[in-house]
Protein backbone atom coordinates (compact mmCIF):
# COMPACT_ATOMS: atom_id res chain seq x y z
CA UNK A 1 -0.13 -0.05 0.13
CA UNK A 2 1.34 3.41 -1.01
CA UNK A 3 1.82 6.10 1.63
CA UNK A 4 -0.86 8.06 0.16
CA UNK A 5 -3.18 5.35 0.59
CA UNK A 6 -1.76 4.29 3.87
CA UNK A 7 -2.42 8.09 4.97
CA UNK A 8 -6.05 7.88 3.69
CA UNK A 9 -6.89 4.98 5.31
CA UNK A 10 -5.29 6.50 8.79
CA UNK A 11 -7.33 9.50 7.95
CA UNK A 12 -10.55 7.37 7.63
CA UNK A 13 -9.89 5.46 10.32
CA UNK A 14 -9.11 8.37 12.67
CA UNK A 15 -12.59 10.00 11.30
CA UNK A 16 -14.51 6.72 12.08
CA UNK A 17 -12.83 6.88 15.58
CA UNK A 18 -14.01 10.26 16.02
CA UNK A 19 -17.51 9.82 14.68
CA UNK A 20 -17.83 6.88 17.08
CA UNK A 21 -16.56 8.63 19.81
CA UNK A 22 -18.67 11.57 19.48
CA UNK A 23 -21.48 9.82 18.91
CA UNK A 24 -20.72 7.67 22.20
CA UNK A 25 -20.24 10.80 24.18
CA UNK A 26 -23.64 12.17 23.29
CA UNK A 27 -25.21 9.07 24.43
CA UNK A 28 -23.11 9.02 27.58
CA UNK A 29 -23.76 12.46 28.18
CA UNK A 30 -27.56 12.00 27.88
CA UNK A 31 -28.58 11.23 31.31
CA UNK A 32 -29.76 7.90 32.34
CA UNK A 33 -33.12 9.30 33.16
CA UNK A 34 -33.79 10.71 29.59
CA UNK A 35 -35.73 7.79 28.49
CA UNK A 36 -38.09 7.69 31.70
CA UNK A 37 -38.31 11.80 31.24
CA UNK A 38 -39.74 11.25 27.90
CA UNK A 39 -42.27 9.34 29.56
CA UNK A 40 -43.32 11.89 32.13
CA UNK A 41 -46.37 12.60 29.89
CA UNK A 42 -47.93 9.36 30.77
CA UNK A 43 -47.44 9.79 34.31
CA UNK A 44 -50.74 11.45 34.99
CA UNK A 45 -52.51 8.04 33.47
CA UNK A 46 -49.74 5.93 35.34
CA UNK A 47 -50.57 7.63 38.85
CA UNK A 48 -54.36 7.05 38.09
CA UNK A 49 -53.96 3.52 37.35
CA UNK A 50 -51.68 3.14 40.68
CA UNK A 51 -54.22 4.63 42.83
CA UNK A 52 -57.06 2.54 41.47
CA UNK A 53 -54.81 -0.69 42.34
CA UNK A 54 -54.27 1.03 45.80
CA UNK A 55 -58.08 1.87 46.10
CA UNK A 56 -58.59 -1.95 45.25
CA UNK A 57 -56.33 -3.10 47.79
CA UNK A 58 -57.89 -0.94 50.37
CA UNK A 59 -61.59 -2.16 49.63
CA UNK A 60 -60.56 -5.79 49.61
CA UNK A 61 -58.13 -5.67 52.49
CA UNK A 62 -55.61 -7.19 49.97
CA UNK A 63 -52.12 -7.19 51.20
CA UNK A 64 -50.74 -8.06 47.55
CA UNK A 65 -52.73 -5.31 45.82
CA UNK A 66 -51.43 -2.80 48.33
CA UNK A 67 -47.90 -4.26 47.87
CA UNK A 68 -47.90 -3.74 44.39
CA UNK A 69 -49.39 -0.18 44.32
CA UNK A 70 -46.48 0.61 46.62
CA UNK A 71 -44.09 -0.68 44.34
CA UNK A 72 -45.64 1.35 41.56
CA UNK A 73 -45.50 4.71 43.71
CA UNK A 74 -41.86 3.68 44.73
CA UNK A 75 -41.16 3.82 40.99
CA UNK A 76 -43.07 6.99 40.30
CA UNK A 77 -41.26 8.91 42.89
CA UNK A 78 -37.86 7.76 42.10
CA UNK A 79 -38.36 8.79 38.34
CA UNK A 80 -39.63 12.01 39.40
CA UNK A 81 -36.80 12.83 41.82
CA UNK A 82 -34.47 12.00 39.22
CA UNK A 83 -35.97 14.37 36.43
CA UNK A 84 -36.21 17.00 39.15
CA UNK A 85 -32.37 16.56 39.82
CA UNK A 86 -31.65 17.16 36.35
CA UNK A 87 -34.45 19.44 34.76
CA UNK A 88 -36.65 20.61 37.30
CA UNK A 89 -40.29 22.00 36.06
CA UNK A 90 -43.14 22.56 37.94
CA UNK A 91 -45.41 19.75 36.16
CA UNK A 92 -42.54 17.31 37.31
CA UNK A 93 -42.57 18.46 41.23
CA UNK A 94 -46.25 18.03 40.90
CA UNK A 95 -46.16 14.54 39.68
CA UNK A 96 -43.54 13.85 42.64
CA UNK A 97 -45.77 15.37 45.00
CA UNK A 98 -48.55 13.31 44.17
CA UNK A 99 -46.62 10.16 44.00
CA UNK A 100 -44.99 10.72 47.34
CA UNK A 101 -48.53 11.56 48.74
CA UNK A 102 -50.02 8.00 47.40
CA UNK A 103 -46.86 6.49 48.37
CA UNK A 104 -47.24 7.45 51.84
CA UNK A 105 -51.25 6.63 51.59
CA UNK A 106 -50.75 3.14 50.62
CA UNK A 107 -47.93 2.67 52.95
CA UNK A 108 -50.39 3.92 55.61
CA UNK A 109 -52.85 1.28 54.51
CA UNK A 110 -50.27 -1.55 54.65
CA UNK A 111 -49.79 -0.39 58.26
CA UNK A 112 -53.23 -0.81 59.15
CA UNK A 113 -53.59 -4.06 57.35
CA UNK A 114 -50.52 -5.55 59.05
CA UNK A 115 -52.34 -4.13 62.56
CA UNK A 116 -55.49 -6.01 61.49
CA UNK A 117 -53.85 -9.16 60.34
CA UNK A 118 -51.12 -9.18 63.47
CA UNK A 119 -48.37 -9.01 60.71
CA UNK A 120 -45.97 -6.57 62.75
CA UNK A 121 -43.34 -6.94 60.36
CA UNK A 122 -45.62 -4.55 57.76
CA UNK A 123 -45.91 -2.04 60.85
CA UNK A 124 -42.11 -2.27 61.51
CA UNK A 125 -41.26 -1.76 57.81
CA UNK A 126 -43.91 0.93 56.60
CA UNK A 127 -44.89 3.17 59.33
CA UNK A 128 -41.42 4.90 59.89
CA UNK A 129 -41.53 5.24 55.85
CA UNK A 130 -45.07 6.53 55.78
CA UNK A 131 -44.15 8.68 58.46
CA UNK A 132 -41.36 10.11 56.70
CA UNK A 133 -42.67 10.55 53.06
CA UNK A 134 -45.71 12.63 54.93
CA UNK A 135 -43.11 15.05 56.62
CA UNK A 136 -41.39 15.50 53.48
CA UNK A 137 -44.76 16.01 52.02
CA UNK A 138 -45.52 18.83 54.44
CA UNK A 139 -42.17 20.50 53.69
CA UNK A 140 -42.91 20.55 50.23
CA UNK A 141 -46.62 21.67 50.56
CA UNK A 142 -47.11 23.09 53.88
CA UNK A 143 -50.42 24.68 52.53
CA UNK A 144 -52.04 21.54 51.53
CA UNK A 145 -54.59 20.00 53.73
CA UNK A 146 -54.38 16.67 52.51
CA UNK A 147 -50.51 16.35 53.50
CA UNK A 148 -51.56 17.60 57.06
CA UNK A 149 -54.26 14.77 57.46
CA UNK A 150 -52.05 12.21 56.42
CA UNK A 151 -49.19 13.03 58.57
CA UNK A 152 -51.78 13.33 61.68
CA UNK A 153 -53.13 9.86 61.11
CA UNK A 154 -49.57 8.27 60.75
CA UNK A 155 -48.89 9.99 64.15
CA UNK A 156 -52.16 8.65 65.53
CA UNK A 157 -51.10 5.03 64.35
CA UNK A 158 -47.51 5.72 66.08
CA UNK A 159 -49.25 6.95 69.34
CA UNK A 160 -50.96 4.00 69.40
CA UNK A 161 -47.98 1.62 69.50
CA UNK A 162 -46.26 3.91 71.81
CA UNK A 163 -48.40 5.44 74.65
CA UNK A 164 -45.19 7.20 75.94
CA UNK A 165 -45.22 9.59 73.08
CA UNK A 166 -48.56 10.80 74.23
CA UNK A 167 -47.29 14.42 75.17
CA UNK A 168 -45.08 14.89 71.98
CA UNK A 169 -47.45 13.42 69.34
CA UNK A 170 -50.91 14.39 70.88
CA UNK A 171 -50.37 18.06 70.46
CA UNK A 172 -48.60 17.25 67.00
CA UNK A 173 -51.75 15.35 65.88
CA UNK A 174 -54.10 18.15 66.85
CA UNK A 175 -52.11 20.71 65.37
CA UNK A 176 -52.07 19.13 61.70
CA UNK A 177 -55.92 18.30 61.69
CA UNK A 178 -56.42 21.97 62.94
CA UNK A 179 -54.34 23.06 60.06
CA UNK A 180 -55.93 20.83 57.66
CA UNK A 181 -59.27 22.09 58.69
CA UNK A 182 -58.37 25.87 58.49
CA UNK A 183 -56.84 25.21 54.94
CA UNK A 184 -60.03 23.22 53.59
CA UNK A 185 -63.15 23.06 56.12
CA UNK A 186 -65.40 21.74 53.50
CA UNK A 187 -63.01 18.92 52.36
CA UNK A 188 -64.63 15.58 53.24
CA UNK A 189 -61.63 13.74 54.16
CA UNK A 190 -60.83 16.60 57.01
CA UNK A 191 -64.74 16.05 58.22
CA UNK A 192 -63.78 12.28 58.32
CA UNK A 193 -60.83 12.74 60.37
CA UNK A 194 -62.82 15.09 62.57
CA UNK A 195 -65.59 12.97 62.77
CA UNK A 196 -63.51 10.00 63.89
CA UNK A 197 -61.60 11.92 66.45
CA UNK A 198 -64.94 12.71 68.17
CA UNK A 199 -65.80 8.79 67.80
CA UNK A 200 -62.84 7.54 69.55
CA UNK A 201 -62.15 10.31 72.33
CA UNK A 202 -63.88 9.87 75.76
CA UNK A 203 -66.37 12.27 76.53
CA UNK A 204 -64.16 13.81 79.39
CA UNK A 205 -61.69 14.47 76.75
CA UNK A 206 -63.86 16.28 73.98
CA UNK A 207 -65.41 13.09 72.50
CA UNK A 208 -68.96 12.86 71.07
CA UNK A 209 -71.09 10.31 69.30
CA UNK A 210 -73.63 13.07 68.29
CA UNK A 211 -70.45 15.36 66.79
CA UNK A 212 -69.19 12.40 65.22
CA UNK A 213 -72.62 11.65 63.28
CA UNK A 214 -72.77 15.31 62.44
CA UNK A 215 -69.59 15.57 61.05
CA UNK A 216 -69.95 12.04 59.05
CA UNK A 217 -73.17 13.35 57.76
CA UNK A 218 -71.84 16.38 56.35
CA UNK A 219 -68.82 14.41 55.00
CA UNK A 220 -71.04 11.99 53.22
CA UNK A 221 -73.25 14.84 51.43
CA UNK A 222 -70.12 16.12 50.19
CA UNK A 223 -68.68 12.74 48.91
CA UNK A 224 -72.36 12.29 47.04
CA UNK A 225 -72.22 15.56 44.94
CA UNK A 226 -68.60 14.85 43.88
CA UNK A 227 -69.53 11.43 43.01
CA UNK A 228 -72.47 12.54 41.01
CA UNK A 229 -70.35 15.08 39.37
CA UNK A 230 -67.38 12.63 38.57
CA UNK A 231 -65.22 15.57 39.68
CA UNK A 232 -62.20 13.57 40.84
CA UNK A 233 -62.27 10.66 38.17
CA UNK A 234 -59.54 11.85 36.21
CA UNK A 235 -58.16 14.15 38.77
CA UNK A 236 -54.66 13.49 40.56
CA UNK A 237 -56.22 15.09 43.83
CA UNK A 238 -57.12 12.61 46.62
CA UNK A 239 -60.86 11.18 46.39
CA UNK A 240 -60.62 8.43 48.90
CA UNK A 241 -63.13 8.42 51.79
CA UNK A 242 -66.70 7.98 50.98
CA UNK A 243 -67.04 4.15 51.83
CA UNK A 244 -64.98 4.73 55.14
CA UNK A 245 -66.97 7.80 55.84
CA UNK A 246 -70.31 5.50 55.43
CA UNK A 247 -68.72 2.82 57.70
CA UNK A 248 -67.99 5.46 60.44
CA UNK A 249 -71.28 6.85 60.11
CA UNK A 250 -73.15 3.54 60.16
CA UNK A 251 -70.99 2.49 63.28
CA UNK A 252 -71.96 5.81 65.10
CA UNK A 253 -75.50 5.43 64.25
CA UNK A 254 -75.35 1.66 65.75
CA UNK A 255 -73.61 3.37 68.92
CA UNK A 256 -76.75 5.39 69.17
CA UNK A 257 -79.20 2.57 68.92
CA UNK A 258 -80.44 3.84 65.35
CA UNK A 259 -79.87 0.00 63.92
CA UNK A 260 -82.10 0.46 60.88
CA UNK A 261 -80.55 3.46 59.85
CA UNK A 262 -77.29 2.23 60.45
CA UNK A 263 -78.09 -0.65 58.33
CA UNK A 264 -79.05 1.57 55.60
CA UNK A 265 -75.97 3.25 55.82
CA UNK A 266 -73.78 -0.14 55.46
CA UNK A 267 -75.87 -1.38 52.78
CA UNK A 268 -75.19 2.03 50.81
CA UNK A 269 -71.74 1.83 51.23
CA UNK A 270 -72.03 -1.55 49.73
CA UNK A 271 -74.00 -0.22 46.82
CA UNK A 272 -71.02 1.86 46.00
CA UNK A 273 -68.23 -0.75 46.82
CA UNK A 274 -69.64 -4.05 46.95
CA UNK A 275 -66.48 -5.44 47.79
CA UNK A 276 -65.72 -3.50 50.63
CA UNK A 277 -64.53 -6.43 53.17
CA UNK A 278 -64.97 -4.24 56.39
CA UNK A 279 -68.66 -3.77 55.83
CA UNK A 280 -69.40 -6.53 53.74
CA UNK A 281 -67.74 -9.45 56.13
CA UNK A 282 -67.87 -7.62 59.75
CA UNK A 283 -69.82 -4.38 60.33
CA UNK A 284 -73.20 -5.39 58.55
CA UNK A 285 -72.95 -9.05 59.65
CA UNK A 286 -72.58 -7.95 63.15
CA UNK A 287 -75.47 -5.52 62.88
CA UNK A 288 -77.43 -7.95 61.55
CA UNK A 289 -77.12 -10.44 64.35
CA UNK A 290 -77.71 -7.55 66.84
CA UNK A 291 -81.27 -6.77 65.13
CA UNK A 292 -82.11 -10.43 65.15
CA UNK A 293 -81.28 -10.69 68.96
CA UNK A 294 -83.06 -7.68 69.77
CA UNK A 295 -86.36 -8.99 68.21
C-alpha cells in the first residue's frame, strides 16, 4: 500500500474513531433518566392506574394489591426525583408531590393491614417510611390540607403503639388536624378525620358520638355531590374516603341505637363498593346479628 493510501486509510480510521467517539459521548452525556423523562407525559395516567390499584387493595383488604401499588408509587417517586435533579419543572414537581402522597397513603394502609392481621413486619417496615414521606410532603406543600391529614393519621397510629409519646405526638396530631381544617374546612376527608376523633375520644376529652354523626353526615353529603359530578375521576387530587365515611357513620348510628338507619348506611356503602370487606364481612353481619337478637 502506498503512503498516500496508507495516509488515507489512517485519516479514514481517525474520522471513524472520532465519529464513534462523539456519538458515544452524546449517548454518555444523555442522562440515564432521559428515556423515563420522555415518559413523564404519561405519568398522569400511570398515577391514576396505581391509585386505582391501591383503592382496590384498600376495599378488598388485599395485601398483595397494596404491595403492588406501593411498588408502583415507589417507581413514580424515584422517576420524578431523578428528573427533578436534572431538569426541574413545575409539572414534574407536581407529579413528584402526588407520587409521594400516594406512596405514603398506601404505606399507611399497609400498616393498618398489618395491625388488623397481626402482621408486625408490615408495621415495622412501613410506619417509619410513611411518616418520613408524609413529613417530606408537609415540607414541600405546607399549605396542602391532604398532607396534614395524612401525617396526623400516621402520628395517631404511632401514638397507639407507643403511648409514652402522648405528650409529644398528641399536640402534633391536634395541630395538623386543625391546620387541615383551616385550609380546607369543607374537605370531606377533613370532616372524616374530625368525626373519627369525636368518635374515639372519651367524653371527658371532648369526644361526642352526636358530633361524630354530624361530621360524618356532612362528609357523606359532600362525597355524594362529588361522586355524582364525577369531579375527581381524572384528577390526581385525593378522592378516597366515601365508603370509609359511611362505615364510620353506620358505626356511630349503631352506637346511638339507630339500628335500621345504620343498616341502611352500611348497605349504601356496599352499593358503592360491593367488595368493601370491612362492611361486607364484619360491620353489616354483626349489626344484623344484633338486630335479630333484639327481636
